[in-house]
Amino acid sequence: NIVGFENLTNLDRLPATGAGIVALPMKIEGGSGGPLRVVGWVP
């Protein structure tokens, strides 16, 4: 039950540790995945 995020970008702008992500996909009932809006938070 580990989820996956594919085709990410800008990972060079996150530090190795200390950041966080908010990854909110389209909430498709019964879906195997969906388009994703994902952002990182760098304190």
ModelCIF file with pLDDT and N, C-alpha, C, O atoms, coordinates in Angstrom:
data_MODEL
#
_entry.id   MODEL 
#
_entity.id                         1 
_entity.type                       polymer 
_entity.pdbx_number_of_molecules   1 
#
_entity_poly.entity_id                      1 
_entity_poly.type                           'polypeptide(L)' 
_entity_poly.nstd_linkage                   no 
_entity_poly.nstd_monomer                   no 
_entity_poly.pdbx_seq_one_letter_code       NIVGFENLTNLDRLPATGAGIVALPMKIEGGSGGPLRVVGWVP 
_entity_poly.pdbx_seq_one_letter_code_can   NIVGFENLTNLDRLPATGAGIVALPMKIEGGSGGPLRVVGWVP 
_entity_poly.pdbx_strand_id                 A 
#
loop_
_entity_poly_seq.entity_id 
_entity_poly_seq.num 
_entity_poly_seq.mon_id 
_entity_poly_seq.hetero 
1 1  ASN n 
1 2  ILE n 
1 3  VAL n 
1 4  GLY n 
1 5  PHE n 
1 6  GLU n 
1 7  ASN n 
1 8  LEU n 
1 9  THR n 
1 10 ASN n 
1 11 LEU n 
1 12 ASP n 
1 13 ARG n 
1 14 LEU n 
1 15 PRO n 
1 16 ALA n 
1 17 THR n 
1 18 GLY n 
1 19 ALA n 
1 20 GLY n 
1 21 ILE n 
1 22 VAL n 
1 23 ALA n 
1 24 LEU n 
1 25 PRO n 
1 26 MET n 
1 27 LYS n 
1 28 ILE n 
1 29 GLU n 
1 30 GLY n 
1 31 GLY n 
1 32 SER n 
1 33 GLY n 
1 34 GLY n 
1 35 PRO n 
1 36 LEU n 
1 37 ARG n 
1 38 VAL n 
1 39 VAL n 
1 40 GLY n 
1 41 TRP n 
1 42 VAL n 
1 43 PRO n 
#
_struct_asym.id          A 
_struct_asym.entity_id   1 
#
loop_
_ma_qa_metric.id 
_ma_qa_metric.mode 
_ma_qa_metric.name 
_ma_qa_metric.software_group_id 
_ma_qa_metric.type 
1 global pLDDT . pLDDT 
2 local  pLDDT . pLDDT 
#
_ma_qa_metric_global.metric_id      1 
_ma_qa_metric_global.metric_value   97.51 
_ma_qa_metric_global.model_id       1 
_ma_qa_metric_global.ordinal_id     1 
#
loop_
_ma_qa_metric_local.label_asym_id 
_ma_qa_metric_local.label_comp_id 
_ma_qa_metric_local.label_seq_id 
_ma_qa_metric_local.metric_id 
_ma_qa_metric_local.metric_value 
_ma_qa_metric_local.model_id 
_ma_qa_metric_local.ordinal_id 
A ASN 1  2 98.00 1 1  
A ILE 2  2 98.00 1 2  
A VAL 3  2 98.00 1 3  
A GLY 4  2 98.00 1 4  
A PHE 5  2 99.00 1 5  
A GLU 6  2 98.00 1 6  
A ASN 7  2 98.00 1 7  
A LEU 8  2 99.00 1 8  
A THR 9  2 98.00 1 9  
A ASN 10 2 98.00 1 10 
A LEU 11 2 98.00 1 11 
A ASP 12 2 98.00 1 12 
A ARG 13 2 98.00 1 13 
A LEU 14 2 98.00 1 14 
A PRO 15 2 98.00 1 15 
A ALA 16 2 98.00 1 16 
A THR 17 2 97.00 1 17 
A GLY 18 2 95.00 1 18 
A ALA 19 2 96.00 1 19 
A GLY 20 2 96.00 1 20 
A ILE 21 2 96.00 1 21 
A VAL 22 2 97.00 1 22 
A ALA 23 2 98.00 1 23 
A LEU 24 2 98.00 1 24 
A PRO 25 2 98.00 1 25 
A MET 26 2 97.00 1 26 
A LYS 27 2 98.00 1 27 
A ILE 28 2 98.00 1 28 
A GLU 29 2 98.00 1 29 
A GLY 30 2 98.00 1 30 
A GLY 31 2 98.00 1 31 
A SER 32 2 98.00 1 32 
A GLY 33 2 98.00 1 33 
A GLY 34 2 98.00 1 34 
A PRO 35 2 98.00 1 35 
A LEU 36 2 98.00 1 36 
A ARG 37 2 98.00 1 37 
A VAL 38 2 98.00 1 38 
A VAL 39 2 98.00 1 39 
A GLY 40 2 97.00 1 40 
A TRP 41 2 95.00 1 41 
A VAL 42 2 96.00 1 42 
A PRO 43 2 93.00 1 43 
#
loop_
_atom_site.group_PDB 
_atom_site.id 
_atom_site.type_symbol 
_atom_site.label_atom_id 
_atom_site.label_alt_id 
_atom_site.label_comp_id 
_atom_site.label_asym_id 
_atom_site.label_entity_id 
_atom_site.label_seq_id 
_atom_site.pdbx_PDB_ins_code 
_atom_site.Cartn_x 
_atom_site.Cartn_y 
_atom_site.Cartn_z 
_atom_site.occupancy 
_atom_site.B_iso_or_equiv 
_atom_site.pdbx_formal_charge 
_atom_site.auth_seq_id 
_atom_site.auth_comp_id 
_atom_site.auth_asym_id 
_atom_site.auth_atom_id 
_atom_site.pdbx_PDB_model_num 
ATOM 1   N N  . ASN A 1 1  ? 0.814   -1.227 0.000   1.00 98.00 ? 1  ASN A N  1 
ATOM 2   C CA . ASN A 1 1  ? 0.000   0.000  0.000   1.00 98.00 ? 1  ASN A CA 1 
ATOM 3   C C  . ASN A 1 1  ? 0.845   1.273  0.000   1.00 98.00 ? 1  ASN A C  1 
ATOM 4   O O  . ASN A 1 1  ? 0.409   2.315  0.490   1.00 98.00 ? 1  ASN A O  1 
ATOM 5   N N  . ILE A 1 2  ? 2.040   1.183  -0.546  1.00 98.00 ? 2  ILE A N  1 
ATOM 6   C CA . ILE A 1 2  ? 2.869   2.359  -0.780  1.00 98.00 ? 2  ILE A CA 1 
ATOM 7   C C  . ILE A 1 2  ? 2.435   2.973  -2.111  1.00 98.00 ? 2  ILE A C  1 
ATOM 8   O O  . ILE A 1 2  ? 2.327   2.262  -3.110  1.00 98.00 ? 2  ILE A O  1 
ATOM 9   N N  . VAL A 1 3  ? 2.189   4.270  -2.135  1.00 98.00 ? 3  VAL A N  1 
ATOM 10  C CA . VAL A 1 3  ? 1.742   4.925  -3.370  1.00 98.00 ? 3  VAL A CA 1 
ATOM 11  C C  . VAL A 1 3  ? 2.948   5.398  -4.170  1.00 98.00 ? 3  VAL A C  1 
ATOM 12  O O  . VAL A 1 3  ? 4.038   5.580  -3.628  1.00 98.00 ? 3  VAL A O  1 
ATOM 13  N N  . GLY A 1 4  ? 2.734   5.595  -5.472  1.00 98.00 ? 4  GLY A N  1 
ATOM 14  C CA . GLY A 1 4  ? 3.798   6.033  -6.356  1.00 98.00 ? 4  GLY A CA 1 
ATOM 15  C C  . GLY A 1 4  ? 3.487   7.350  -7.029  1.00 98.00 ? 4  GLY A C  1 
ATOM 16  O O  . GLY A 1 4  ? 2.335   7.637  -7.352  1.00 98.00 ? 4  GLY A O  1 
ATOM 17  N N  . PHE A 1 5  ? 4.527   8.156  -7.241  1.00 99.00 ? 5  PHE A N  1 
ATOM 18  C CA . PHE A 1 5  ? 4.433   9.393  -8.005  1.00 99.00 ? 5  PHE A CA 1 
ATOM 19  C C  . PHE A 1 5  ? 5.448   9.306  -9.135  1.00 99.00 ? 5  PHE A C  1 
ATOM 20  O O  . PHE A 1 5  ? 6.639   9.123  -8.885  1.00 99.00 ? 5  PHE A O  1 
ATOM 21  N N  . GLU A 1 6  ? 4.989   9.435  -10.377 1.00 98.00 ? 6  GLU A N  1 
ATOM 22  C CA . GLU A 1 6  ? 5.888   9.299  -11.531 1.00 98.00 ? 6  GLU A CA 1 
ATOM 23  C C  . GLU A 1 6  ? 5.889   10.576 -12.366 1.00 98.00 ? 6  GLU A C  1 
ATOM 24  O O  . GLU A 1 6  ? 4.946   11.367 -12.326 1.00 98.00 ? 6  GLU A O  1 
ATOM 25  N N  . ASN A 1 7  ? 6.972   10.758 -13.123 1.00 98.00 ? 7  ASN A N  1 
ATOM 26  C CA . ASN A 1 7  ? 7.171   11.943 -13.956 1.00 98.00 ? 7  ASN A CA 1 
ATOM 27  C C  . ASN A 1 7  ? 7.212   13.218 -13.114 1.00 98.00 ? 7  ASN A C  1 
ATOM 28  O O  . ASN A 1 7  ? 6.600   14.225 -13.471 1.00 98.00 ? 7  ASN A O  1 
ATOM 29  N N  . LEU A 1 8  ? 7.935   13.171 -11.998 1.00 99.00 ? 8  LEU A N  1 
ATOM 30  C CA . LEU A 1 8  ? 8.150   14.369 -11.190 1.00 99.00 ? 8  LEU A CA 1 
ATOM 31  C C  . LEU A 1 8  ? 9.189   15.271 -11.846 1.00 99.00 ? 8  LEU A C  1 
ATOM 32  O O  . LEU A 1 8  ? 9.875   14.866 -12.784 1.00 99.00 ? 8  LEU A O  1 
ATOM 33  N N  . THR A 1 9  ? 9.295   16.476 -11.350 1.00 98.00 ? 9  THR A N  1 
ATOM 34  C CA . THR A 1 9  ? 10.317  17.405 -11.826 1.00 98.00 ? 9  THR A CA 1 
ATOM 35  C C  . THR A 1 9  ? 10.764  18.296 -10.677 1.00 98.00 ? 9  THR A C  1 
ATOM 36  O O  . THR A 1 9  ? 10.140  18.314 -9.616  1.00 98.00 ? 9  THR A O  1 
ATOM 37  N N  . ASN A 1 10 ? 11.844  19.029 -10.892 1.00 98.00 ? 10 ASN A N  1 
ATOM 38  C CA . ASN A 1 10 ? 12.370  20.008 -9.929  1.00 98.00 ? 10 ASN A CA 1 
ATOM 39  C C  . ASN A 1 10 ? 12.831  19.379 -8.613  1.00 98.00 ? 10 ASN A C  1 
ATOM 40  O O  . ASN A 1 10 ? 12.881  20.061 -7.589  1.00 98.00 ? 10 ASN A O  1 
ATOM 41  N N  . LEU A 1 11 ? 13.164  18.104 -8.628  1.00 98.00 ? 11 LEU A N  1 
ATOM 42  C CA . LEU A 1 11 ? 13.650  17.489 -7.398  1.00 98.00 ? 11 LEU A CA 1 
ATOM 43  C C  . LEU A 1 11 ? 14.997  18.062 -6.971  1.00 98.00 ? 11 LEU A C  1 
ATOM 44  O O  . LEU A 1 11 ? 15.385  17.938 -5.810  1.00 98.00 ? 11 LEU A O  1 
ATOM 45  N N  . ASP A 1 12 ? 15.708  18.686 -7.900  1.00 98.00 ? 12 ASP A N  1 
ATOM 46  C CA . ASP A 1 12 ? 16.968  19.341 -7.548  1.00 98.00 ? 12 ASP A CA 1 
ATOM 47  C C  . ASP A 1 12 ? 16.758  20.546 -6.638  1.00 98.00 ? 12 ASP A C  1 
ATOM 48  O O  . ASP A 1 12 ? 17.712  21.039 -6.037  1.00 98.00 ? 12 ASP A O  1 
ATOM 49  N N  . ARG A 1 13 ? 15.531  21.023 -6.532  1.00 98.00 ? 13 ARG A N  1 
ATOM 50  C CA . ARG A 1 13 ? 15.233  22.188 -5.694  1.00 98.00 ? 13 ARG A CA 1 
ATOM 51  C C  . ARG A 1 13 ? 14.821  21.799 -4.276  1.00 98.00 ? 13 ARG A C  1 
ATOM 52  O O  . ARG A 1 13 ? 14.523  22.666 -3.455  1.00 98.00 ? 13 ARG A O  1 
ATOM 53  N N  . LEU A 1 14 ? 14.802  20.500 -3.988  1.00 98.00 ? 14 LEU A N  1 
ATOM 54  C CA . LEU A 1 14 ? 14.513  20.037 -2.643  1.00 98.00 ? 14 LEU A CA 1 
ATOM 55  C C  . LEU A 1 14 ? 15.801  19.564 -1.978  1.00 98.00 ? 14 LEU A C  1 
ATOM 56  O O  . LEU A 1 14 ? 16.658  18.982 -2.643  1.00 98.00 ? 14 LEU A O  1 
ATOM 57  N N  . PRO A 1 15 ? 15.950  19.805 -0.676  1.00 98.00 ? 15 PRO A N  1 
ATOM 58  C CA . PRO A 1 15 ? 17.113  19.262 0.027   1.00 98.00 ? 15 PRO A CA 1 
ATOM 59  C C  . PRO A 1 15 ? 16.966  17.762 0.247   1.00 98.00 ? 15 PRO A C  1 
ATOM 60  O O  . PRO A 1 15 ? 15.883  17.202 0.077   1.00 98.00 ? 15 PRO A O  1 
ATOM 61  N N  . ALA A 1 16 ? 18.056  17.125 0.624   1.00 98.00 ? 16 ALA A N  1 
ATOM 62  C CA . ALA A 1 16 ? 18.021  15.683 0.878   1.00 98.00 ? 16 ALA A CA 1 
ATOM 63  C C  . ALA A 1 16 ? 17.040  15.347 1.993   1.00 98.00 ? 16 ALA A C  1 
ATOM 64  O O  . ALA A 1 16 ? 16.352  14.329 1.925   1.00 98.00 ? 16 ALA A O  1 
ATOM 65  N N  . THR A 1 17 ? 16.970  16.185 3.010   1.00 97.00 ? 17 THR A N  1 
ATOM 66  C CA . THR A 1 17 ? 16.019  16.009 4.106   1.00 97.00 ? 17 THR A CA 1 
ATOM 67  C C  . THR A 1 17 ? 15.451  17.369 4.497   1.00 97.00 ? 17 THR A C  1 
ATOM 68  O O  . THR A 1 17 ? 16.004  18.411 4.144   1.00 97.00 ? 17 THR A O  1 
ATOM 69  N N  . GLY A 1 18 ? 14.364  17.344 5.214   1.00 95.00 ? 18 GLY A N  1 
ATOM 70  C CA . GLY A 1 18 ? 13.817  18.572 5.770   1.00 95.00 ? 18 GLY A CA 1 
ATOM 71  C C  . GLY A 1 18 ? 12.683  19.191 4.991   1.00 95.00 ? 18 GLY A C  1 
ATOM 72  O O  . GLY A 1 18 ? 12.023  20.102 5.492   1.00 95.00 ? 18 GLY A O  1 
ATOM 73  N N  . ALA A 1 19 ? 12.435  18.729 3.785   1.00 96.00 ? 19 ALA A N  1 
ATOM 74  C CA . ALA A 1 19 ? 11.320  19.240 2.992   1.00 96.00 ? 19 ALA A CA 1 
ATOM 75  C C  . ALA A 1 19 ? 10.084  18.376 3.221   1.00 96.00 ? 19 ALA A C  1 
ATOM 76  O O  . ALA A 1 19 ? 10.140  17.344 3.889   1.00 96.00 ? 19 ALA A O  1 
ATOM 77  N N  . GLY A 1 20 ? 8.990   18.816 2.661   1.00 96.00 ? 20 GLY A N  1 
ATOM 78  C CA . GLY A 1 20 ? 7.762   18.027 2.681   1.00 96.00 ? 20 GLY A CA 1 
ATOM 79  C C  . GLY A 1 20 ? 7.085   18.109 1.335   1.00 96.00 ? 20 GLY A C  1 
ATOM 80  O O  . GLY A 1 20 ? 7.443   18.946 0.507   1.00 96.00 ? 20 GLY A O  1 
ATOM 81  N N  . ILE A 1 21 ? 6.102   17.244 1.105   1.00 96.00 ? 21 ILE A N  1 
ATOM 82  C CA . ILE A 1 21 ? 5.349   17.314 -0.141  1.00 96.00 ? 21 ILE A CA 1 
ATOM 83  C C  . ILE A 1 21 ? 3.858   17.298 0.150   1.00 96.00 ? 21 ILE A C  1 
ATOM 84  O O  . ILE A 1 21 ? 3.394   16.749 1.149   1.00 96.00 ? 21 ILE A O  1 
ATOM 85  N N  . VAL A 1 22 ? 3.131   17.923 -0.761  1.00 97.00 ? 22 VAL A N  1 
ATOM 86  C CA . VAL A 1 22 ? 1.679   17.834 -0.818  1.00 97.00 ? 22 VAL A CA 1 
ATOM 87  C C  . VAL A 1 22 ? 1.367   17.333 -2.217  1.00 97.00 ? 22 VAL A C  1 
ATOM 88  O O  . VAL A 1 22 ? 1.580   18.054 -3.192  1.00 97.00 ? 22 VAL A O  1 
ATOM 89  N N  . ALA A 1 23 ? 0.864   16.107 -2.334  1.00 98.00 ? 23 ALA A N  1 
ATOM 90  C CA . ALA A 1 23 ? 0.667   15.449 -3.626  1.00 98.00 ? 23 ALA A CA 1 
ATOM 91  C C  . ALA A 1 23 ? -0.799  15.043 -3.738  1.00 98.00 ? 23 ALA A C  1 
ATOM 92  O O  . ALA A 1 23 ? -1.185  13.975 -3.263  1.00 98.00 ? 23 ALA A O  1 
ATOM 93  N N  . LEU A 1 24 ? -1.607  15.879 -4.359  1.00 98.00 ? 24 LEU A N  1 
ATOM 94  C CA . LEU A 1 24 ? -3.048  15.660 -4.388  1.00 98.00 ? 24 LEU A CA 1 
ATOM 95  C C  . LEU A 1 24 ? -3.501  15.293 -5.805  1.00 98.00 ? 24 LEU A C  1 
ATOM 96  O O  . LEU A 1 24 ? -3.533  16.151 -6.687  1.00 98.00 ? 24 LEU A O  1 
ATOM 97  N N  . PRO A 1 25 ? -3.850  14.020 -6.026  1.00 98.00 ? 25 PRO A N  1 
ATOM 98  C CA . PRO A 1 25 ? -4.289  13.575 -7.347  1.00 98.00 ? 25 PRO A CA 1 
ATOM 99  C C  . PRO A 1 25 ? -5.781  13.825 -7.542  1.00 98.00 ? 25 PRO A C  1 
ATOM 100 O O  . PRO A 1 25 ? -6.503  14.122 -6.591  1.00 98.00 ? 25 PRO A O  1 
ATOM 101 N N  . MET A 1 26 ? -6.220  13.703 -8.760  1.00 97.00 ? 26 MET A N  1 
ATOM 102 C CA . MET A 1 26 ? -7.650  13.635 -9.019  1.00 97.00 ? 26 MET A CA 1 
ATOM 103 C C  . MET A 1 26 ? -8.202  12.430 -8.267  1.00 97.00 ? 26 MET A C  1 
ATOM 104 O O  . MET A 1 26 ? -7.657  11.330 -8.357  1.00 97.00 ? 26 MET A O  1 
ATOM 105 N N  . LYS A 1 27 ? -9.275  12.641 -7.533  1.00 98.00 ? 27 LYS A N  1 
ATOM 106 C CA . LYS A 1 27 ? -9.826  11.586 -6.674  1.00 98.00 ? 27 LYS A CA 1 
ATOM 107 C C  . LYS A 1 27 ? -10.834 10.771 -7.476  1.00 98.00 ? 27 LYS A C  1 
ATOM 108 O O  . LYS A 1 27 ? -12.039 11.019 -7.426  1.00 98.00 ? 27 LYS A O  1 
ATOM 109 N N  . ILE A 1 28 ? -10.315 9.792  -8.216  1.00 98.00 ? 28 ILE A N  1 
ATOM 110 C CA . ILE A 1 28 ? -11.126 8.988  -9.124  1.00 98.00 ? 28 ILE A CA 1 
ATOM 111 C C  . ILE A 1 28 ? -11.622 7.751  -8.385  1.00 98.00 ? 28 ILE A C  1 
ATOM 112 O O  . ILE A 1 28 ? -10.821 6.941  -7.920  1.00 98.00 ? 28 ILE A O  1 
ATOM 113 N N  . GLU A 1 29 ? -12.925 7.607  -8.278  1.00 98.00 ? 29 GLU A N  1 
ATOM 114 C CA . GLU A 1 29 ? -13.499 6.477  -7.568  1.00 98.00 ? 29 GLU A CA 1 
ATOM 115 C C  . GLU A 1 29 ? -13.097 5.174  -8.250  1.00 98.00 ? 29 GLU A C  1 
ATOM 116 O O  . GLU A 1 29 ? -13.373 4.970  -9.433  1.00 98.00 ? 29 GLU A O  1 
ATOM 117 N N  . GLY A 1 30 ? -12.443 4.295  -7.494  1.00 98.00 ? 30 GLY A N  1 
ATOM 118 C CA . GLY A 1 30 ? -12.007 3.022  -8.041  1.00 98.00 ? 30 GLY A CA 1 
ATOM 119 C C  . GLY A 1 30 ? -10.840 3.120  -8.994  1.00 98.00 ? 30 GLY A C  1 
ATOM 120 O O  . GLY A 1 30 ? -10.509 2.138  -9.658  1.00 98.00 ? 30 GLY A O  1 
ATOM 121 N N  . GLY A 1 31 ? -10.203 4.279  -9.083  1.00 98.00 ? 31 GLY A N  1 
ATOM 122 C CA . GLY A 1 31 ? -9.145  4.481  -10.059 1.00 98.00 ? 31 GLY A CA 1 
ATOM 123 C C  . GLY A 1 31 ? -7.833  3.822  -9.667  1.00 98.00 ? 31 GLY A C  1 
ATOM 124 O O  . GLY A 1 31 ? -7.546  3.625  -8.486  1.00 98.00 ? 31 GLY A O  1 
ATOM 125 N N  . SER A 1 32 ? -7.043  3.485  -10.680 1.00 98.00 ? 32 SER A N  1 
ATOM 126 C CA . SER A 1 32 ? -5.713  2.933  -10.427 1.00 98.00 ? 32 SER A CA 1 
ATOM 127 C C  . SER A 1 32 ? -4.653  4.019  -10.376 1.00 98.00 ? 32 SER A C  1 
ATOM 128 O O  . SER A 1 32 ? -3.472  3.728  -10.186 1.00 98.00 ? 32 SER A O  1 
ATOM 129 N N  . GLY A 1 33 ? -5.064  5.258  -10.544 1.00 98.00 ? 33 GLY A N  1 
ATOM 130 C CA . GLY A 1 33 ? -4.145  6.393  -10.519 1.00 98.00 ? 33 GLY A CA 1 
ATOM 131 C C  . GLY A 1 33 ? -4.872  7.622  -11.010 1.00 98.00 ? 33 GLY A C  1 
ATOM 132 O O  . GLY A 1 33 ? -6.100  7.639  -11.097 1.00 98.00 ? 33 GLY A O  1 
ATOM 133 N N  . GLY A 1 34 ? -4.102  8.658  -11.334 1.00 98.00 ? 34 GLY A N  1 
ATOM 134 C CA . GLY A 1 34 ? -4.735  9.854  -11.863 1.00 98.00 ? 34 GLY A CA 1 
ATOM 135 C C  . GLY A 1 34 ? -3.766  11.013 -11.947 1.00 98.00 ? 34 GLY A C  1 
ATOM 136 O O  . GLY A 1 34 ? -2.712  10.997 -11.311 1.00 98.00 ? 34 GLY A O  1 
ATOM 137 N N  . PRO A 1 35 ? -4.124  12.033 -12.743 1.00 98.00 ? 35 PRO A N  1 
ATOM 138 C CA . PRO A 1 35 ? -3.298  13.237 -12.836 1.00 98.00 ? 35 PRO A CA 1 
ATOM 139 C C  . PRO A 1 35 ? -3.024  13.817 -11.447 1.00 98.00 ? 35 PRO A C  1 
ATOM 140 O O  . PRO A 1 35 ? -3.890  13.791 -10.572 1.00 98.00 ? 35 PRO A O  1 
ATOM 141 N N  . LEU A 1 36 ? -1.816  14.338 -11.258 1.00 98.00 ? 36 LEU A N  1 
ATOM 142 C CA . LEU A 1 36 ? -1.344  14.728 -9.931  1.00 98.00 ? 36 LEU A CA 1 
ATOM 143 C C  . LEU A 1 36 ? -0.830  16.158 -9.930  1.00 98.00 ? 36 LEU A C  1 
ATOM 144 O O  . LEU A 1 36 ? -0.013  16.528 -10.773 1.00 98.00 ? 36 LEU A O  1 
ATOM 145 N N  . ARG A 1 37 ? -1.304  16.960 -8.991  1.00 98.00 ? 37 ARG A N  1 
ATOM 146 C CA . ARG A 1 37 ? -0.676  18.249 -8.705  1.00 98.00 ? 37 ARG A CA 1 
ATOM 147 C C  . ARG A 1 37 ? 0.116   18.060 -7.426  1.00 98.00 ? 37 ARG A C  1 
ATOM 148 O O  . ARG A 1 37 ? -0.453  17.797 -6.366  1.00 98.00 ? 37 ARG A O  1 
ATOM 149 N N  . VAL A 1 38 ? 1.417   18.193 -7.526  1.00 98.00 ? 38 VAL A N  1 
ATOM 150 C CA . VAL A 1 38 ? 2.291   17.913 -6.402  1.00 98.00 ? 38 VAL A CA 1 
ATOM 151 C C  . VAL A 1 38 ? 3.254   19.073 -6.222  1.00 98.00 ? 38 VAL A C  1 
ATOM 152 O O  . VAL A 1 38 ? 3.847   19.567 -7.181  1.00 98.00 ? 38 VAL A O  1 
ATOM 153 N N  . VAL A 1 39 ? 3.397   19.497 -4.975  1.00 98.00 ? 39 VAL A N  1 
ATOM 154 C CA . VAL A 1 39 ? 4.331   20.581 -4.648  1.00 98.00 ? 39 VAL A CA 1 
ATOM 155 C C  . VAL A 1 39 ? 5.194   20.154 -3.471  1.00 98.00 ? 39 VAL A C  1 
ATOM 156 O O  . VAL A 1 39 ? 4.801   19.332 -2.643  1.00 98.00 ? 39 VAL A O  1 
ATOM 157 N N  . GLY A 1 40 ? 6.369   20.736 -3.428  1.00 97.00 ? 40 GLY A N  1 
ATOM 158 C CA . GLY A 1 40 ? 7.257   20.520 -2.290  1.00 97.00 ? 40 GLY A CA 1 
ATOM 159 C C  . GLY A 1 40 ? 7.317   21.769 -1.433  1.00 97.00 ? 40 GLY A C  1 
ATOM 160 O O  . GLY A 1 40 ? 7.148   22.883 -1.930  1.00 97.00 ? 40 GLY A O  1 
ATOM 161 N N  . TRP A 1 41 ? 7.558   21.581 -0.146  1.00 95.00 ? 41 TRP A N  1 
ATOM 162 C CA . TRP A 1 41 ? 7.692   22.691 0.784   1.00 95.00 ? 41 TRP A CA 1 
ATOM 163 C C  . TRP A 1 41 ? 9.100   22.646 1.372   1.00 95.00 ? 41 TRP A C  1 
ATOM 164 O O  . TRP A 1 41 ? 9.487   21.668 2.013   1.00 95.00 ? 41 TRP A O  1 
ATOM 165 N N  . VAL A 1 42 ? 9.865   23.727 1.143   1.00 96.00 ? 42 VAL A N  1 
ATOM 166 C CA . VAL A 1 42 ? 11.220  23.842 1.665   1.00 96.00 ? 42 VAL A CA 1 
ATOM 167 C C  . VAL A 1 42 ? 11.228  24.927 2.718   1.00 96.00 ? 42 VAL A C  1 
ATOM 168 O O  . VAL A 1 42 ? 11.111  26.103 2.374   1.00 96.00 ? 42 VAL A O  1 
ATOM 169 N N  . PRO A 1 43 ? 11.362  24.581 3.989   1.00 93.00 ? 43 PRO A N  1 
ATOM 170 C CA . PRO A 1 43 ? 11.358  25.609 5.033   1.00 93.00 ? 43 PRO A CA 1 
ATOM 171 C C  . PRO A 1 43 ? 12.486  26.625 4.845   1.00 93.00 ? 43 PRO A C  1 
ATOM 172 O O  . PRO A 1 43 ? 12.619  27.554 5.641   1.00 93.00 ? 43 PRO A O  1 
#
